[in-house]
Amino acid sequence: MAINDSDKDEDKDEDENEVSELLELLEKFSLENSSLKKTIKALNRENVSLKTELECLSNKSLDDKTISLEKENETLKVEIDALKKTFSKFSNSSEKLDKLLGLQRCVFNKAGLGYDEMNNVKHFQKYLEKKDNQKLSSSMTCNYCNRHGHTTHTCYRKRNDMHKRNLLLKNKLLKVRTIWVPKGTFFTNPPGPKATWVPKSST
């Protein structure tokens, strides 16, 4: 029985130790809980203050935006008024031009001079019509080949000759000799022939 009593005493001591440890833990957690509640209250206060600052800033930015939009609206109204004035000037001038053109008379309209308006009008059509009967190609002659139907600018014989000459110059088969001579030293057209003319003797 003594062993049972000692076991019971040990169990009571262990239970008391556990209870004391639990009480200490409870005190620690209660202190931590109270400190956390204080920090939560401080954070809530900061949150409220930040919300109020954000609302103030958003209101200021909205006010600034509305002011800038109002200014832009006023400037656009001024521009629209100026454009309306210029457009009205253009429309008035176009109406005046239409009136002036309506008051003009045709060249052939001789109303008011004792003539019928358009009955005896002669339109000069014979001067405006093209003359298809005469061919222009028959009157054209080439000065290079003396043939009818084309000019020297479109002469195919001249083109062929120039092409042959250019080929000969490129291949160096035809040599063109050019000399620079001071002005007045060389006569391009000397007077008279070089050789004397002698009549043939009749034999």
Protein backbone atom coordinates (compact mmCIF):
# COMPACT_ATOMS: atom_id res chain seq x y z
CA MET A 1 0.00 0.00 0.00
CA ALA A 2 2.88 2.25 0.69
CA ILE A 3 3.95 1.87 -2.91
CA ASN A 4 0.52 2.92 -4.06
CA ASP A 5 0.58 6.00 -1.82
CA SER A 6 3.99 7.01 -3.12
CA ASP A 7 2.76 6.55 -6.70
CA LYS A 8 -0.25 8.69 -5.94
CA ASP A 9 1.94 11.40 -4.42
CA GLU A 10 4.19 11.38 -7.45
CA ASP A 11 1.17 11.61 -9.74
CA LYS A 12 -0.14 14.57 -7.74
CA ASP A 13 3.24 16.30 -7.93
CA GLU A 14 3.40 15.72 -11.67
CA ASP A 15 -0.14 17.01 -12.07
CA GLU A 16 0.68 20.09 -10.03
CA ASN A 17 3.82 20.68 -12.10
CA GLU A 18 1.85 20.33 -15.32
CA VAL A 19 -0.83 22.69 -14.01
CA SER A 20 1.78 25.26 -13.00
CA GLU A 21 3.41 24.98 -16.43
CA LEU A 22 0.04 25.38 -18.07
CA LEU A 23 -0.69 28.45 -15.96
CA GLU A 24 2.64 29.97 -16.94
CA LEU A 25 1.89 29.27 -20.61
CA LEU A 26 -1.54 30.80 -20.17
CA GLU A 27 -0.03 33.97 -18.71
CA LYS A 28 2.49 34.17 -21.56
CA PHE A 29 -0.20 33.70 -24.19
CA SER A 30 -2.47 36.23 -22.51
CA LEU A 31 0.39 38.78 -22.54
CA GLU A 32 1.08 38.02 -26.22
CA ASN A 33 -2.63 38.27 -26.97
CA SER A 34 -2.91 41.66 -25.29
CA SER A 35 0.18 42.94 -27.16
CA LEU A 36 -1.25 41.65 -30.46
CA LYS A 37 -4.56 43.37 -29.73
CA LYS A 38 -2.69 46.62 -29.15
CA THR A 39 -0.81 46.26 -32.46
CA ILE A 40 -4.10 45.45 -34.24
CA LYS A 41 -5.66 48.62 -32.84
CA ALA A 42 -2.63 50.66 -33.96
CA LEU A 43 -2.76 49.12 -37.44
CA ASN A 44 -6.50 49.82 -37.66
CA ARG A 45 -5.84 53.46 -36.77
CA GLU A 46 -3.12 53.68 -39.44
CA ASN A 47 -5.46 52.04 -41.95
CA VAL A 48 -8.19 54.58 -41.21
CA SER A 49 -5.74 57.49 -41.51
CA LEU A 50 -4.36 56.14 -44.82
CA LYS A 51 -7.90 55.72 -46.17
CA THR A 52 -8.73 59.33 -45.34
CA GLU A 53 -5.50 60.53 -47.00
CA LEU A 54 -6.27 58.44 -50.08
CA GLU A 55 -9.76 59.91 -50.30
CA CYS A 56 -8.35 63.43 -50.00
CA LEU A 57 -5.77 62.77 -52.73
CA SER A 58 -8.35 61.19 -55.03
CA ASN A 59 -10.67 64.17 -54.50
CA LYS A 60 -7.81 66.57 -55.28
CA SER A 61 -6.84 64.65 -58.43
CA LEU A 62 -10.48 64.57 -59.55
CA ASP A 63 -10.76 68.30 -58.91
CA ASP A 64 -7.58 68.93 -60.92
CA LYS A 65 -8.86 66.76 -63.76
CA THR A 66 -12.21 68.51 -63.83
CA ILE A 67 -10.52 71.92 -63.86
CA SER A 68 -8.21 70.93 -66.73
CA LEU A 69 -11.14 69.46 -68.68
CA GLU A 70 -13.17 72.64 -68.15
CA LYS A 71 -10.28 74.76 -69.47
CA GLU A 72 -9.89 72.50 -72.49
CA ASN A 73 -13.63 72.66 -73.10
CA GLU A 74 -13.54 76.47 -73.07
CA THR A 75 -10.63 76.61 -75.54
CA LEU A 76 -12.41 74.17 -77.85
CA LYS A 77 -15.57 76.29 -77.71
CA VAL A 78 -13.54 79.35 -78.74
CA GLU A 79 -12.00 77.42 -81.65
CA ILE A 80 -15.42 76.15 -82.74
CA ASP A 81 -16.80 79.70 -82.74
CA ALA A 82 -13.89 80.92 -84.87
CA LEU A 83 -14.35 78.03 -87.32
CA LYS A 84 -18.08 78.74 -87.55
CA LYS A 85 -17.33 82.35 -88.47
CA THR A 86 -14.88 81.37 -91.22
CA PHE A 87 -17.26 78.70 -92.52
CA SER A 88 -20.10 81.19 -92.64
CA LYS A 89 -17.86 83.54 -94.66
CA PHE A 90 -17.12 80.75 -97.14
CA SER A 91 -20.76 79.75 -97.43
CA ASN A 92 -21.80 83.38 -97.95
CA SER A 93 -19.12 83.87 -100.60
CA SER A 94 -20.18 80.68 -102.42
CA GLU A 95 -23.79 81.92 -102.45
CA LYS A 96 -22.64 85.28 -103.83
CA LEU A 97 -20.60 83.51 -106.51
CA ASP A 98 -23.61 81.44 -107.49
CA LYS A 99 -25.69 84.61 -107.77
CA LEU A 100 -23.04 86.30 -109.93
CA LEU A 101 -22.75 83.28 -112.18
CA GLY A 102 -26.53 83.17 -112.47
CA LEU A 103 -26.61 86.81 -113.56
CA GLN A 104 -24.11 86.26 -116.36
CA ARG A 105 -25.26 85.65 -119.89
CA CYS A 106 -23.91 83.29 -122.46
CA VAL A 107 -21.86 84.76 -125.32
CA PHE A 108 -24.43 83.66 -127.86
CA ASN A 109 -27.38 84.81 -125.79
CA LYS A 110 -28.60 88.03 -127.41
CA ALA A 111 -31.83 88.38 -125.47
CA GLY A 112 -32.90 91.95 -124.98
CA LEU A 113 -31.28 93.12 -128.22
CA GLY A 114 -34.23 92.24 -130.45
CA TYR A 115 -33.13 88.66 -131.15
CA ASP A 116 -34.69 85.41 -130.16
CA GLU A 117 -32.71 83.87 -127.39
CA MET A 118 -31.05 80.82 -128.89
CA ASN A 119 -32.77 80.24 -132.22
CA ASN A 120 -30.39 82.02 -134.57
CA VAL A 121 -27.16 81.17 -132.81
CA LYS A 122 -24.34 79.84 -134.96
CA HIS A 123 -21.93 77.68 -133.08
CA PHE A 124 -18.58 77.70 -134.75
CA GLN A 125 -18.31 73.95 -135.04
CA LYS A 126 -16.32 73.92 -138.23
CA TYR A 127 -13.42 75.53 -136.39
CA LEU A 128 -13.66 73.13 -133.48
CA GLU A 129 -13.87 69.90 -135.48
CA LYS A 130 -10.71 68.04 -136.30
CA LYS A 131 -9.86 67.65 -139.91
CA ASP A 132 -9.54 63.92 -140.39
CA ASN A 133 -9.46 64.07 -144.17
CA GLN A 134 -5.96 65.48 -144.43
CA LYS A 135 -3.15 63.24 -143.38
CA LEU A 136 -0.29 64.90 -141.62
CA SER A 137 2.14 62.13 -142.53
CA SER A 138 2.05 63.03 -146.24
CA SER A 139 3.35 66.53 -145.53
CA MET A 140 6.27 65.29 -143.42
CA THR A 141 9.58 64.59 -145.10
CA CYS A 142 12.83 63.39 -143.63
CA ASN A 143 15.89 65.57 -144.20
CA TYR A 144 18.26 62.62 -143.68
CA CYS A 145 16.92 60.10 -146.19
CA ASN A 146 14.59 62.44 -148.19
CA ARG A 147 11.58 60.15 -147.82
CA HIS A 148 8.00 61.06 -146.96
CA GLY A 149 6.08 59.97 -143.86
CA HIS A 150 8.56 60.63 -141.05
CA THR A 151 11.00 63.24 -139.74
CA THR A 152 14.70 63.10 -138.95
CA HIS A 153 13.96 62.51 -135.25
CA THR A 154 12.15 59.27 -136.06
CA CYS A 155 14.25 58.17 -139.05
CA TYR A 156 15.22 54.52 -138.67
CA ARG A 157 18.00 54.80 -141.29
CA LYS A 158 19.68 57.53 -139.25
CA ARG A 159 19.38 55.41 -136.12
CA ASN A 160 20.95 52.42 -137.87
CA ASP A 161 23.82 54.52 -139.22
CA MET A 162 24.48 56.08 -135.82
CA HIS A 163 24.39 52.64 -134.21
CA LYS A 164 26.93 51.27 -136.72
CA ARG A 165 29.19 54.29 -136.20
CA ASN A 166 29.07 53.87 -132.41
CA LEU A 167 29.94 50.17 -132.72
CA LEU A 168 32.93 50.98 -134.93
CA LEU A 169 34.14 53.60 -132.47
CA LYS A 170 33.81 51.20 -129.54
CA ASN A 171 35.68 48.42 -131.32
CA LYS A 172 38.35 50.93 -132.46
CA LEU A 173 37.89 49.98 -136.09
CA LEU A 174 37.14 53.57 -137.00
CA LYS A 175 39.56 56.17 -135.70
CA VAL A 176 38.44 59.73 -135.41
CA ARG A 177 41.32 62.14 -135.21
CA THR A 178 40.74 65.36 -133.35
CA ILE A 179 43.32 68.08 -132.85
CA TRP A 180 43.06 71.20 -130.78
CA VAL A 181 44.08 74.26 -132.76
CA PRO A 182 44.12 77.83 -131.49
CA LYS A 183 41.50 80.06 -133.01
CA GLY A 184 42.48 81.76 -136.26
CA THR A 185 45.44 79.50 -137.13
CA PHE A 186 43.56 76.87 -139.15
CA PHE A 187 41.22 77.71 -141.99
CA THR A 188 38.25 75.39 -142.08
CA ASN A 189 37.23 76.49 -145.56
CA PRO A 190 40.32 77.52 -147.55
CA PRO A 191 39.66 79.49 -150.72
CA GLY A 192 39.84 77.59 -153.99
CA PRO A 193 40.72 74.00 -154.86
CA LYS A 194 44.04 72.41 -153.98
CA ALA A 195 44.81 71.11 -157.44
CA THR A 196 44.74 73.14 -160.61
CA TRP A 197 42.24 72.18 -163.22
CA VAL A 198 43.60 71.24 -166.60
CA PRO A 199 41.30 70.44 -169.49
CA LYS A 200 41.65 67.07 -171.13
CA SER A 201 43.56 67.07 -174.32
CA SER A 202 41.85 65.54 -177.25
CA THR A 203 44.08 62.89 -178.75
